[in-house]
């Protein structure tokens, strides 16, 4: 699988209808109790680069209004693309949703096939270079082939992937991967990062060193 969809807060019949549209397609579909759960809980997206959230427009607007007060703003900025679904048309809600970052606004009464195609179009644009990261197995794939990584490379990449776009200090990486009892040179991290950059050079990802702050994984 190289794409994923998270459905939030809809009735079971609507969910089932949309899910049926993706039968036999290589798309992972899962559910979340709320938009906040879908955005915040990294485990709900097994793939790092190609995911879409489908949620009620009212819930999305509430999340964006109240979420930033209690959530890390970086998390809000980095949320996956959102398609907002409305029970009844509201020009104000549509404008607000699009202004706040939704890539589309659709009525619940719209043909399910049309909604599904909107999602396909977005997933297709996200997956142009066909790369994804499996958060469960800690493997990275490109063009359908797994990139061969050592155990240390996998662990370091996993930490960076879990904190996508956020610099992680070398001290944290060292503790998480090598443990508190490690007595070697911290520059071993530089060696692993160099190896990762070489192996991922053909992928649409960048590992950035932020001097004095740490290392981050960036995905355009």
N, C-alpha and C. Protein backbone atom coordinates (compact mmCIF):
# COMPACT_ATOMS: atom_id res chain seq x y z
N UNK A 1 0.84 -1.20 0.00
CA UNK A 1 0.00 0.00 0.00
C UNK A 1 0.87 1.25 0.00
N UNK A 2 0.48 2.27 -0.76
CA UNK A 2 1.26 3.49 -0.73
C UNK A 2 0.39 4.73 -0.51
N UNK A 3 -0.87 4.53 -0.15
CA UNK A 3 -1.75 5.65 0.15
C UNK A 3 -2.68 5.25 1.29
N UNK A 4 -3.14 6.25 2.02
CA UNK A 4 -4.04 5.96 3.13
C UNK A 4 -5.10 7.04 3.27
N UNK A 5 -6.26 6.63 3.78
CA UNK A 5 -7.38 7.53 4.02
C UNK A 5 -7.87 7.31 5.44
N UNK A 6 -8.08 8.39 6.16
CA UNK A 6 -8.68 8.30 7.49
C UNK A 6 -10.05 8.95 7.44
N UNK A 7 -11.07 8.19 7.81
CA UNK A 7 -12.44 8.69 7.84
C UNK A 7 -12.79 9.06 9.27
N UNK A 8 -13.31 10.27 9.45
CA UNK A 8 -13.61 10.76 10.80
C UNK A 8 -15.09 11.14 10.93
N UNK A 9 -15.72 10.68 11.98
CA UNK A 9 -17.00 11.21 12.41
C UNK A 9 -18.19 11.06 11.49
N UNK A 10 -18.15 10.15 10.51
CA UNK A 10 -19.30 9.98 9.62
C UNK A 10 -20.16 8.81 10.07
N UNK A 11 -21.38 8.73 9.54
CA UNK A 11 -22.22 7.58 9.86
C UNK A 11 -21.68 6.35 9.12
N UNK A 12 -21.99 5.19 9.65
CA UNK A 12 -21.43 3.94 9.13
C UNK A 12 -21.82 3.69 7.68
N UNK A 13 -23.03 4.07 7.30
CA UNK A 13 -23.48 3.84 5.93
C UNK A 13 -22.66 4.66 4.94
N UNK A 14 -22.42 5.93 5.29
CA UNK A 14 -21.62 6.79 4.41
C UNK A 14 -20.20 6.26 4.31
N UNK A 15 -19.63 5.89 5.43
CA UNK A 15 -18.27 5.32 5.44
C UNK A 15 -18.18 4.09 4.56
N UNK A 16 -19.16 3.20 4.71
CA UNK A 16 -19.14 1.95 3.95
C UNK A 16 -19.24 2.23 2.46
N UNK A 17 -20.05 3.21 2.09
CA UNK A 17 -20.20 3.54 0.68
C UNK A 17 -18.91 4.07 0.08
N UNK A 18 -18.23 4.95 0.82
CA UNK A 18 -16.97 5.49 0.31
C UNK A 18 -15.90 4.41 0.27
N UNK A 19 -15.83 3.61 1.33
CA UNK A 19 -14.83 2.54 1.37
C UNK A 19 -15.00 1.58 0.20
N UNK A 20 -16.26 1.30 -0.16
CA UNK A 20 -16.53 0.38 -1.27
C UNK A 20 -15.95 0.89 -2.57
N UNK A 21 -15.90 2.21 -2.72
CA UNK A 21 -15.37 2.79 -3.95
C UNK A 21 -13.88 2.47 -4.15
N UNK A 22 -13.19 2.14 -3.06
CA UNK A 22 -11.75 1.87 -3.14
C UNK A 22 -11.43 0.37 -3.06
N UNK A 23 -12.46 -0.47 -3.22
CA UNK A 23 -12.25 -1.91 -3.21
C UNK A 23 -11.26 -2.30 -4.31
N UNK A 24 -10.32 -3.15 -3.94
CA UNK A 24 -9.30 -3.65 -4.87
C UNK A 24 -8.26 -2.60 -5.26
N UNK A 25 -8.34 -1.40 -4.68
CA UNK A 25 -7.30 -0.40 -4.93
C UNK A 25 -6.27 -0.48 -3.80
N UNK A 26 -5.05 -0.10 -4.10
CA UNK A 26 -3.95 -0.22 -3.15
C UNK A 26 -3.96 0.95 -2.16
N UNK A 27 -5.06 1.07 -1.42
CA UNK A 27 -5.25 2.19 -0.50
C UNK A 27 -5.69 1.64 0.85
N UNK A 28 -5.01 2.08 1.90
CA UNK A 28 -5.32 1.66 3.26
C UNK A 28 -6.34 2.64 3.84
N UNK A 29 -7.49 2.11 4.32
CA UNK A 29 -8.53 2.96 4.89
C UNK A 29 -8.71 2.62 6.36
N UNK A 30 -8.69 3.64 7.20
CA UNK A 30 -8.89 3.43 8.63
C UNK A 30 -9.82 4.51 9.17
N UNK A 31 -10.10 4.46 10.46
CA UNK A 31 -11.09 5.36 11.05
C UNK A 31 -10.50 6.07 12.27
N UNK A 32 -11.04 7.24 12.55
CA UNK A 32 -10.65 7.99 13.74
C UNK A 32 -11.91 8.54 14.39
N UNK A 33 -11.89 8.66 15.70
CA UNK A 33 -13.04 9.21 16.41
C UNK A 33 -13.23 10.69 16.13
N UNK A 34 -12.14 11.37 15.83
CA UNK A 34 -12.22 12.81 15.62
C UNK A 34 -11.11 13.27 14.69
N UNK A 35 -11.26 14.49 14.19
CA UNK A 35 -10.21 15.08 13.36
C UNK A 35 -8.92 15.21 14.16
N UNK A 36 -9.06 15.59 15.43
CA UNK A 36 -7.87 15.72 16.27
C UNK A 36 -7.12 14.42 16.39
N UNK A 37 -7.85 13.31 16.56
CA UNK A 37 -7.19 12.01 16.64
C UNK A 37 -6.43 11.70 15.36
N UNK A 38 -7.04 12.02 14.23
CA UNK A 38 -6.42 11.72 12.95
C UNK A 38 -5.14 12.52 12.74
N UNK A 39 -5.16 13.78 13.16
CA UNK A 39 -4.01 14.65 12.96
C UNK A 39 -2.88 14.34 13.95
N UNK A 40 -3.26 14.14 15.21
CA UNK A 40 -2.26 14.03 16.27
C UNK A 40 -1.66 12.63 16.38
N UNK A 41 -2.49 11.63 16.25
CA UNK A 41 -2.03 10.27 16.46
C UNK A 41 -1.28 9.75 15.24
N UNK A 42 0.03 9.77 15.31
CA UNK A 42 0.84 9.36 14.16
C UNK A 42 0.60 7.93 13.76
N UNK A 43 0.19 7.06 14.69
CA UNK A 43 0.01 5.66 14.36
C UNK A 43 -1.19 5.43 13.45
N UNK A 44 -2.05 6.45 13.33
CA UNK A 44 -3.22 6.28 12.48
C UNK A 44 -2.83 6.35 11.01
N UNK A 45 -1.66 6.92 10.72
CA UNK A 45 -1.14 6.94 9.37
C UNK A 45 0.07 6.02 9.29
N UNK A 46 -0.10 4.80 8.78
CA UNK A 46 1.05 3.91 8.68
C UNK A 46 2.05 4.39 7.62
N UNK A 47 1.64 5.28 6.75
CA UNK A 47 2.52 5.78 5.70
C UNK A 47 2.71 7.27 5.85
N UNK A 48 3.92 7.68 5.71
CA UNK A 48 4.27 9.05 6.06
C UNK A 48 3.86 10.08 5.02
N UNK A 49 3.90 9.71 3.74
CA UNK A 49 3.83 10.74 2.72
C UNK A 49 2.50 10.86 2.00
N UNK A 50 1.67 9.80 1.95
CA UNK A 50 0.48 9.88 1.12
C UNK A 50 -0.77 9.55 1.92
N UNK A 51 -1.32 10.53 2.60
CA UNK A 51 -2.52 10.32 3.39
C UNK A 51 -3.49 11.47 3.25
N UNK A 52 -4.78 11.17 3.39
CA UNK A 52 -5.84 12.17 3.31
C UNK A 52 -6.80 11.93 4.47
N UNK A 53 -7.25 13.00 5.09
CA UNK A 53 -8.27 12.94 6.13
C UNK A 53 -9.60 13.40 5.53
N UNK A 54 -10.66 12.65 5.78
CA UNK A 54 -12.00 13.03 5.36
C UNK A 54 -12.83 13.22 6.62
N UNK A 55 -13.34 14.44 6.83
CA UNK A 55 -14.03 14.71 8.10
C UNK A 55 -15.16 15.72 7.91
N UNK A 56 -16.09 15.76 8.85
CA UNK A 56 -17.18 16.75 8.80
C UNK A 56 -16.62 18.17 8.88
N UNK A 57 -17.15 19.06 8.10
CA UNK A 57 -16.63 20.42 8.06
C UNK A 57 -16.75 21.10 9.42
N UNK A 58 -17.85 20.84 10.13
CA UNK A 58 -18.03 21.48 11.44
C UNK A 58 -16.93 21.04 12.40
N UNK A 59 -16.59 19.77 12.36
CA UNK A 59 -15.55 19.25 13.25
C UNK A 59 -14.19 19.83 12.89
N UNK A 60 -13.93 19.96 11.59
CA UNK A 60 -12.66 20.55 11.17
C UNK A 60 -12.55 21.99 11.63
N UNK A 61 -13.61 22.76 11.45
CA UNK A 61 -13.58 24.17 11.86
C UNK A 61 -13.41 24.30 13.37
N UNK A 62 -14.08 23.45 14.13
CA UNK A 62 -13.92 23.48 15.59
C UNK A 62 -12.49 23.13 15.98
N UNK A 63 -11.93 22.14 15.31
CA UNK A 63 -10.56 21.72 15.60
C UNK A 63 -9.57 22.85 15.33
N UNK A 64 -9.75 23.52 14.22
CA UNK A 64 -8.83 24.60 13.86
C UNK A 64 -9.02 25.82 14.76
N UNK A 65 -10.24 26.01 15.27
CA UNK A 65 -10.49 27.16 16.14
C UNK A 65 -9.94 26.93 17.54
N UNK A 66 -10.14 25.71 18.07
CA UNK A 66 -9.77 25.44 19.45
C UNK A 66 -8.47 24.66 19.59
N UNK A 67 -8.10 23.91 18.53
CA UNK A 67 -6.91 23.07 18.62
C UNK A 67 -5.62 23.82 18.88
N UNK A 68 -5.33 24.90 18.15
CA UNK A 68 -4.04 25.58 18.34
C UNK A 68 -3.78 26.07 19.75
N UNK A 69 -4.83 26.25 20.58
CA UNK A 69 -4.62 26.69 21.96
C UNK A 69 -3.97 25.61 22.81
N UNK A 70 -4.22 24.36 22.46
CA UNK A 70 -3.73 23.26 23.28
C UNK A 70 -2.78 22.33 22.54
N UNK A 71 -2.59 22.57 21.24
CA UNK A 71 -1.76 21.69 20.43
C UNK A 71 -0.56 22.45 19.90
N UNK A 72 0.48 21.70 19.59
CA UNK A 72 1.67 22.29 18.99
C UNK A 72 1.32 22.84 17.61
N UNK A 73 1.62 24.10 17.37
CA UNK A 73 1.27 24.72 16.10
C UNK A 73 1.95 24.03 14.92
N UNK A 74 3.13 23.46 15.16
CA UNK A 74 3.81 22.74 14.09
C UNK A 74 2.97 21.55 13.64
N UNK A 75 2.31 20.90 14.59
CA UNK A 75 1.45 19.76 14.26
C UNK A 75 0.31 20.21 13.37
N UNK A 76 -0.28 21.35 13.68
CA UNK A 76 -1.38 21.86 12.88
C UNK A 76 -0.92 22.15 11.46
N UNK A 77 0.24 22.77 11.32
CA UNK A 77 0.74 23.12 9.99
C UNK A 77 1.06 21.89 9.16
N UNK A 78 1.47 20.81 9.83
CA UNK A 78 1.93 19.63 9.12
C UNK A 78 0.82 18.59 8.91
N UNK A 79 -0.42 18.94 9.20
CA UNK A 79 -1.48 17.96 9.06
C UNK A 79 -1.63 17.50 7.60
N UNK A 80 -2.06 16.26 7.40
CA UNK A 80 -2.28 15.77 6.04
C UNK A 80 -3.40 16.56 5.36
N UNK A 81 -3.54 16.48 4.04
CA UNK A 81 -4.63 17.17 3.35
C UNK A 81 -5.99 16.72 3.88
N UNK A 82 -6.92 17.67 3.96
CA UNK A 82 -8.24 17.40 4.51
C UNK A 82 -9.33 17.68 3.48
N UNK A 83 -10.26 16.73 3.33
CA UNK A 83 -11.46 16.95 2.54
C UNK A 83 -12.62 17.09 3.52
N UNK A 84 -13.29 18.23 3.48
CA UNK A 84 -14.38 18.51 4.41
C UNK A 84 -15.71 18.08 3.81
N UNK A 85 -16.52 17.39 4.62
CA UNK A 85 -17.83 16.94 4.19
C UNK A 85 -18.91 17.68 4.98
N UNK A 86 -19.93 18.18 4.26
CA UNK A 86 -21.01 18.94 4.92
C UNK A 86 -22.35 18.25 4.71
N UNK A 87 -23.18 18.26 5.75
CA UNK A 87 -24.53 17.72 5.63
C UNK A 87 -25.42 18.65 4.81
N UNK A 88 -25.25 19.94 5.01
CA UNK A 88 -26.01 20.95 4.27
C UNK A 88 -25.04 22.03 3.80
N UNK A 89 -25.32 22.59 2.64
CA UNK A 89 -24.40 23.58 2.08
C UNK A 89 -24.43 24.88 2.87
N UNK A 90 -23.22 25.39 3.13
CA UNK A 90 -23.07 26.69 3.77
C UNK A 90 -21.89 27.39 3.10
N UNK A 91 -22.18 28.51 2.46
CA UNK A 91 -21.11 29.26 1.79
C UNK A 91 -20.05 29.71 2.79
N UNK A 92 -20.49 30.09 3.98
CA UNK A 92 -19.55 30.54 5.01
C UNK A 92 -18.62 29.40 5.43
N UNK A 93 -19.20 28.21 5.65
CA UNK A 93 -18.38 27.06 6.06
C UNK A 93 -17.42 26.66 4.95
N UNK A 94 -17.91 26.69 3.72
CA UNK A 94 -17.03 26.31 2.60
C UNK A 94 -15.84 27.27 2.51
N UNK A 95 -16.11 28.56 2.58
CA UNK A 95 -15.04 29.55 2.50
C UNK A 95 -14.07 29.40 3.66
N UNK A 96 -14.60 29.19 4.87
CA UNK A 96 -13.74 29.05 6.05
C UNK A 96 -12.87 27.80 5.94
N UNK A 97 -13.45 26.70 5.49
CA UNK A 97 -12.70 25.44 5.38
C UNK A 97 -11.57 25.57 4.37
N UNK A 98 -11.86 26.16 3.23
CA UNK A 98 -10.83 26.31 2.20
C UNK A 98 -9.74 27.28 2.65
N UNK A 99 -10.13 28.33 3.34
CA UNK A 99 -9.14 29.29 3.84
C UNK A 99 -8.22 28.68 4.89
N UNK A 100 -8.77 27.72 5.65
CA UNK A 100 -8.00 27.08 6.72
C UNK A 100 -7.21 25.87 6.24
N UNK A 101 -7.26 25.59 4.94
CA UNK A 101 -6.37 24.57 4.41
C UNK A 101 -6.98 23.33 3.82
N UNK A 102 -8.32 23.17 3.86
CA UNK A 102 -8.93 22.01 3.22
C UNK A 102 -8.68 22.08 1.70
N UNK A 103 -8.40 20.94 1.10
CA UNK A 103 -8.18 20.96 -0.35
C UNK A 103 -9.51 20.84 -1.11
N UNK A 104 -10.59 20.48 -0.38
CA UNK A 104 -11.88 20.37 -1.05
C UNK A 104 -13.01 20.41 -0.02
N UNK A 105 -14.20 20.78 -0.50
CA UNK A 105 -15.41 20.84 0.33
C UNK A 105 -16.50 20.16 -0.48
N UNK A 106 -17.12 19.12 0.08
CA UNK A 106 -18.15 18.36 -0.64
C UNK A 106 -19.37 18.15 0.25
N UNK A 107 -20.52 18.06 -0.38
CA UNK A 107 -21.73 17.74 0.36
C UNK A 107 -21.84 16.24 0.56
N UNK A 108 -22.43 15.86 1.68
CA UNK A 108 -22.63 14.45 1.99
C UNK A 108 -23.58 13.80 0.98
N UNK A 109 -24.41 14.61 0.35
CA UNK A 109 -25.36 14.11 -0.64
C UNK A 109 -24.74 14.00 -2.03
N UNK A 110 -23.51 14.43 -2.20
CA UNK A 110 -22.84 14.33 -3.49
C UNK A 110 -22.64 12.86 -3.85
N UNK A 111 -22.59 12.52 -5.13
CA UNK A 111 -22.34 11.13 -5.53
C UNK A 111 -21.03 10.63 -4.91
N UNK A 112 -21.09 9.46 -4.28
CA UNK A 112 -19.91 8.93 -3.61
C UNK A 112 -18.76 8.75 -4.60
N UNK A 113 -19.10 8.39 -5.84
CA UNK A 113 -18.06 8.21 -6.85
C UNK A 113 -17.29 9.52 -7.08
N UNK A 114 -18.01 10.63 -7.06
CA UNK A 114 -17.37 11.93 -7.27
C UNK A 114 -16.44 12.28 -6.12
N UNK A 115 -16.90 12.00 -4.89
CA UNK A 115 -16.06 12.26 -3.72
C UNK A 115 -14.81 11.38 -3.75
N UNK A 116 -15.00 10.12 -4.11
CA UNK A 116 -13.88 9.19 -4.19
C UNK A 116 -12.86 9.65 -5.23
N UNK A 117 -13.33 10.19 -6.33
CA UNK A 117 -12.41 10.64 -7.37
C UNK A 117 -11.63 11.86 -6.92
N UNK A 118 -12.27 12.73 -6.15
CA UNK A 118 -11.55 13.88 -5.58
C UNK A 118 -10.39 13.40 -4.71
N UNK A 119 -10.66 12.36 -3.93
CA UNK A 119 -9.63 11.81 -3.05
C UNK A 119 -8.52 11.17 -3.87
N UNK A 120 -8.89 10.41 -4.90
CA UNK A 120 -7.88 9.78 -5.77
C UNK A 120 -6.97 10.83 -6.39
N UNK A 121 -7.57 11.91 -6.86
CA UNK A 121 -6.78 12.96 -7.50
C UNK A 121 -5.76 13.54 -6.53
N UNK A 122 -6.19 13.73 -5.27
CA UNK A 122 -5.27 14.29 -4.28
C UNK A 122 -4.18 13.29 -3.93
N UNK A 123 -4.53 12.04 -3.73
CA UNK A 123 -3.53 11.01 -3.41
C UNK A 123 -2.54 10.87 -4.55
N UNK A 124 -3.04 10.98 -5.77
CA UNK A 124 -2.15 10.86 -6.93
C UNK A 124 -1.13 11.98 -6.94
N UNK A 125 -1.56 13.20 -6.62
CA UNK A 125 -0.63 14.33 -6.61
C UNK A 125 0.38 14.20 -5.48
N UNK A 126 -0.04 13.57 -4.36
CA UNK A 126 0.88 13.39 -3.23
C UNK A 126 1.91 12.32 -3.52
N UNK A 127 1.54 11.33 -4.32
CA UNK A 127 2.39 10.16 -4.52
C UNK A 127 3.10 10.16 -5.86
N UNK A 128 3.36 11.32 -6.41
CA UNK A 128 3.97 11.39 -7.74
C UNK A 128 5.30 10.67 -7.81
N UNK A 129 6.07 10.72 -6.74
CA UNK A 129 7.37 10.04 -6.78
C UNK A 129 7.30 8.65 -6.15
N UNK A 130 6.10 8.23 -5.72
CA UNK A 130 5.86 6.87 -5.26
C UNK A 130 6.82 6.44 -4.16
N UNK A 131 6.89 7.23 -3.11
CA UNK A 131 7.72 6.87 -1.95
C UNK A 131 6.87 6.91 -0.70
N UNK A 132 7.02 5.94 0.17
CA UNK A 132 6.32 5.99 1.45
C UNK A 132 7.13 5.27 2.51
N UNK A 133 6.78 5.59 3.75
CA UNK A 133 7.50 5.03 4.89
C UNK A 133 6.50 4.28 5.74
N UNK A 134 6.76 3.01 5.99
CA UNK A 134 5.88 2.18 6.80
C UNK A 134 6.27 2.35 8.27
N UNK A 135 5.43 3.05 9.03
CA UNK A 135 5.76 3.35 10.41
C UNK A 135 5.77 2.10 11.28
N UNK A 136 5.06 1.08 10.86
CA UNK A 136 4.99 -0.15 11.66
C UNK A 136 6.26 -0.98 11.52
N UNK A 137 6.70 -1.20 10.29
CA UNK A 137 7.88 -2.05 10.08
C UNK A 137 9.17 -1.24 9.98
N UNK A 138 9.04 0.10 9.96
CA UNK A 138 10.20 0.99 9.88
C UNK A 138 11.00 0.77 8.59
N UNK A 139 10.29 0.52 7.52
CA UNK A 139 10.93 0.36 6.21
C UNK A 139 10.51 1.49 5.30
N UNK A 140 11.39 1.86 4.37
CA UNK A 140 11.06 2.88 3.39
C UNK A 140 11.08 2.26 2.01
N UNK A 141 10.09 2.64 1.19
CA UNK A 141 9.95 2.06 -0.14
C UNK A 141 9.95 3.17 -1.18
N UNK A 142 10.48 2.87 -2.35
CA UNK A 142 10.41 3.80 -3.47
C UNK A 142 10.26 2.99 -4.74
N UNK A 143 9.31 3.43 -5.58
CA UNK A 143 9.00 2.71 -6.82
C UNK A 143 8.71 1.24 -6.57
N UNK A 144 8.09 0.94 -5.44
CA UNK A 144 7.70 -0.42 -5.13
C UNK A 144 8.80 -1.31 -4.58
N UNK A 145 9.99 -0.76 -4.38
CA UNK A 145 11.10 -1.56 -3.87
C UNK A 145 11.57 -1.01 -2.52
N UNK A 146 11.89 -1.92 -1.62
CA UNK A 146 12.35 -1.50 -0.30
C UNK A 146 13.81 -1.05 -0.36
N UNK A 147 14.09 0.09 0.26
CA UNK A 147 15.47 0.56 0.38
C UNK A 147 16.13 -0.21 1.51
N UNK A 148 17.28 -0.82 1.24
CA UNK A 148 17.97 -1.64 2.25
C UNK A 148 18.64 -0.74 3.28
N UNK A 149 18.23 -0.89 4.54
CA UNK A 149 18.78 -0.09 5.64
C UNK A 149 19.32 -1.00 6.72
N UNK A 150 20.37 -0.55 7.40
CA UNK A 150 20.87 -1.28 8.56
C UNK A 150 19.93 -1.03 9.75
N UNK A 151 20.11 -1.79 10.82
CA UNK A 151 19.27 -1.63 12.00
C UNK A 151 19.38 -0.21 12.56
N UNK A 152 20.60 0.32 12.66
CA UNK A 152 20.78 1.67 13.19
C UNK A 152 20.15 2.71 12.27
N UNK A 153 20.31 2.53 10.97
CA UNK A 153 19.72 3.47 10.02
C UNK A 153 18.20 3.47 10.13
N UNK A 154 17.62 2.29 10.28
CA UNK A 154 16.17 2.18 10.42
C UNK A 154 15.68 2.89 11.68
N UNK A 155 16.41 2.71 12.78
CA UNK A 155 16.00 3.31 14.05
C UNK A 155 16.12 4.83 14.02
N UNK A 156 17.21 5.33 13.44
CA UNK A 156 17.39 6.78 13.34
C UNK A 156 16.32 7.37 12.42
N UNK A 157 16.07 6.72 11.28
CA UNK A 157 15.05 7.21 10.36
C UNK A 157 13.67 7.20 11.00
N UNK A 158 13.41 6.19 11.81
CA UNK A 158 12.11 6.09 12.49
C UNK A 158 11.90 7.28 13.43
N UNK A 159 12.93 7.63 14.19
CA UNK A 159 12.83 8.77 15.10
C UNK A 159 12.57 10.05 14.32
N UNK A 160 13.29 10.23 13.22
CA UNK A 160 13.11 11.44 12.42
C UNK A 160 11.72 11.46 11.78
N UNK A 161 11.24 10.28 11.34
CA UNK A 161 9.92 10.20 10.71
C UNK A 161 8.82 10.51 11.69
N UNK A 162 8.97 10.07 12.92
CA UNK A 162 7.96 10.35 13.96
C UNK A 162 7.90 11.83 14.31
N UNK A 163 8.97 12.56 13.99
CA UNK A 163 9.04 14.00 14.29
C UNK A 163 9.22 14.79 12.99
N UNK A 164 8.53 14.36 11.95
CA UNK A 164 8.69 14.95 10.62
C UNK A 164 8.69 16.48 10.67
N UNK A 165 9.76 17.07 10.15
CA UNK A 165 9.86 18.52 10.07
C UNK A 165 10.35 19.19 11.34
N UNK A 166 10.52 18.44 12.40
CA UNK A 166 10.94 19.00 13.69
C UNK A 166 12.36 18.54 13.99
N UNK A 167 13.31 19.44 14.23
CA UNK A 167 14.69 19.02 14.55
C UNK A 167 14.73 18.19 15.83
N UNK A 168 15.44 17.06 15.75
CA UNK A 168 15.64 16.19 16.90
C UNK A 168 17.11 16.27 17.29
N UNK A 169 17.40 16.54 18.55
CA UNK A 169 18.79 16.70 18.98
C UNK A 169 19.56 15.39 18.88
N UNK A 170 20.86 15.49 18.68
CA UNK A 170 21.70 14.31 18.60
C UNK A 170 21.70 13.54 19.91
N UNK A 171 21.59 14.26 21.02
CA UNK A 171 21.55 13.59 22.32
C UNK A 171 20.34 12.68 22.43
N UNK A 172 19.20 13.15 21.94
CA UNK A 172 17.99 12.33 21.98
C UNK A 172 18.14 11.12 21.08
N UNK A 173 18.65 11.34 19.87
CA UNK A 173 18.85 10.22 18.93
C UNK A 173 19.80 9.20 19.53
N UNK A 174 20.89 9.67 20.13
CA UNK A 174 21.87 8.76 20.72
C UNK A 174 21.25 7.92 21.83
N UNK A 175 20.47 8.57 22.68
CA UNK A 175 19.85 7.85 23.80
C UNK A 175 18.82 6.84 23.30
N UNK A 176 17.99 7.26 22.33
CA UNK A 176 16.92 6.39 21.85
C UNK A 176 17.44 5.20 21.06
N UNK A 177 18.52 5.40 20.30
CA UNK A 177 19.01 4.33 19.41
C UNK A 177 20.11 3.50 20.07
N UNK A 178 21.06 4.16 20.74
CA UNK A 178 22.21 3.44 21.29
C UNK A 178 22.09 3.18 22.80
N UNK A 179 21.19 3.91 23.47
CA UNK A 179 20.97 3.68 24.88
C UNK A 179 21.83 4.55 25.77
N UNK A 180 21.44 4.66 27.03
CA UNK A 180 22.14 5.51 27.99
C UNK A 180 23.56 5.03 28.30
N UNK A 181 23.81 3.75 28.07
CA UNK A 181 25.12 3.18 28.42
C UNK A 181 26.16 3.33 27.31
N UNK A 182 25.78 3.97 26.20
CA UNK A 182 26.73 4.11 25.08
C UNK A 182 27.91 4.99 25.48
N UNK A 183 29.13 4.49 25.25
CA UNK A 183 30.34 5.24 25.62
C UNK A 183 31.16 5.69 24.42
N UNK A 184 30.60 5.50 23.23
CA UNK A 184 31.36 5.85 22.02
C UNK A 184 31.26 7.32 21.68
N UNK A 185 31.68 7.66 20.48
CA UNK A 185 31.70 9.03 19.99
C UNK A 185 30.34 9.39 19.40
N UNK A 186 29.81 10.55 19.78
CA UNK A 186 28.51 11.00 19.28
C UNK A 186 28.53 11.20 17.77
N UNK A 187 29.73 11.32 17.19
CA UNK A 187 29.83 11.51 15.75
C UNK A 187 29.36 10.29 14.97
N UNK A 188 29.10 9.19 15.67
CA UNK A 188 28.56 8.02 14.99
C UNK A 188 27.21 8.36 14.34
N UNK A 189 26.50 9.31 14.93
CA UNK A 189 25.23 9.75 14.36
C UNK A 189 25.47 10.40 13.00
N UNK A 190 26.55 11.19 12.88
CA UNK A 190 26.87 11.83 11.61
C UNK A 190 27.12 10.79 10.53
N UNK A 191 27.75 9.70 10.92
CA UNK A 191 28.04 8.63 9.96
C UNK A 191 26.74 7.99 9.47
N UNK A 192 25.82 7.71 10.40
CA UNK A 192 24.54 7.11 10.03
C UNK A 192 23.73 8.07 9.15
N UNK A 193 23.74 9.34 9.49
CA UNK A 193 23.00 10.34 8.71
C UNK A 193 23.57 10.42 7.30
N UNK A 194 24.88 10.38 7.17
CA UNK A 194 25.52 10.41 5.85
C UNK A 194 25.08 9.21 5.03
N UNK A 195 25.03 8.03 5.65
CA UNK A 195 24.62 6.82 4.95
C UNK A 195 23.15 6.91 4.52
N UNK A 196 22.31 7.46 5.40
CA UNK A 196 20.90 7.61 5.06
C UNK A 196 20.72 8.58 3.88
N UNK A 197 21.46 9.66 3.90
CA UNK A 197 21.35 10.62 2.79
C UNK A 197 21.72 9.98 1.46
N UNK A 198 22.75 9.15 1.48
CA UNK A 198 23.18 8.48 0.25
C UNK A 198 22.11 7.51 -0.23
N UNK A 199 21.56 6.74 0.69
CA UNK A 199 20.57 5.74 0.30
C UNK A 199 19.23 6.35 -0.12
N UNK A 200 18.91 7.52 0.41
CA UNK A 200 17.64 8.17 0.10
C UNK A 200 17.80 9.29 -0.92
N UNK A 201 18.94 9.33 -1.58
CA UNK A 201 19.23 10.44 -2.51
C UNK A 201 18.25 10.49 -3.68
N UNK A 202 17.68 9.36 -4.04
CA UNK A 202 16.73 9.35 -5.15
C UNK A 202 15.30 9.54 -4.71
N UNK A 203 15.09 9.73 -3.42
CA UNK A 203 13.74 9.87 -2.88
C UNK A 203 13.41 11.35 -2.65
N UNK A 204 12.13 11.63 -2.59
CA UNK A 204 11.68 13.00 -2.39
C UNK A 204 11.65 13.37 -0.90
N UNK A 205 12.77 13.11 -0.22
CA UNK A 205 12.91 13.48 1.19
C UNK A 205 14.29 14.09 1.40
N UNK A 206 14.41 14.90 2.43
CA UNK A 206 15.70 15.51 2.75
C UNK A 206 15.94 15.39 4.24
N UNK A 207 17.17 15.05 4.60
CA UNK A 207 17.57 15.03 6.00
C UNK A 207 18.42 16.27 6.22
N UNK A 208 17.91 17.18 7.04
CA UNK A 208 18.53 18.49 7.22
C UNK A 208 19.20 18.58 8.59
N UNK A 209 20.42 19.06 8.63
CA UNK A 209 21.11 19.33 9.89
C UNK A 209 20.89 20.79 10.27
N UNK A 210 20.32 21.02 11.43
CA UNK A 210 20.09 22.37 11.96
C UNK A 210 21.13 22.58 13.06
N UNK A 211 22.17 23.29 12.75
CA UNK A 211 23.30 23.42 13.67
C UNK A 211 22.86 24.01 15.01
N UNK A 212 23.19 23.28 16.07
CA UNK A 212 22.83 23.69 17.41
C UNK A 212 21.44 23.26 17.84
N UNK A 213 20.66 22.68 16.90
CA UNK A 213 19.29 22.29 17.22
C UNK A 213 19.04 20.80 17.02
N UNK A 214 19.62 20.24 15.96
CA UNK A 214 19.41 18.82 15.72
C UNK A 214 19.24 18.50 14.25
N UNK A 215 18.53 17.40 13.97
CA UNK A 215 18.39 16.89 12.62
C UNK A 215 16.91 16.66 12.36
N UNK A 216 16.46 17.00 11.14
CA UNK A 216 15.05 16.80 10.81
C UNK A 216 14.89 16.10 9.48
N UNK A 217 13.76 15.45 9.31
CA UNK A 217 13.37 14.83 8.04
C UNK A 217 12.35 15.73 7.39
N UNK A 218 12.64 16.19 6.19
CA UNK A 218 11.75 17.12 5.48
C UNK A 218 11.19 16.45 4.25
N UNK A 219 9.87 16.57 4.07
CA UNK A 219 9.19 16.03 2.90
C UNK A 219 8.38 17.15 2.26
N UNK A 220 8.70 17.55 1.02
CA UNK A 220 7.98 18.65 0.39
C UNK A 220 6.50 18.38 0.27
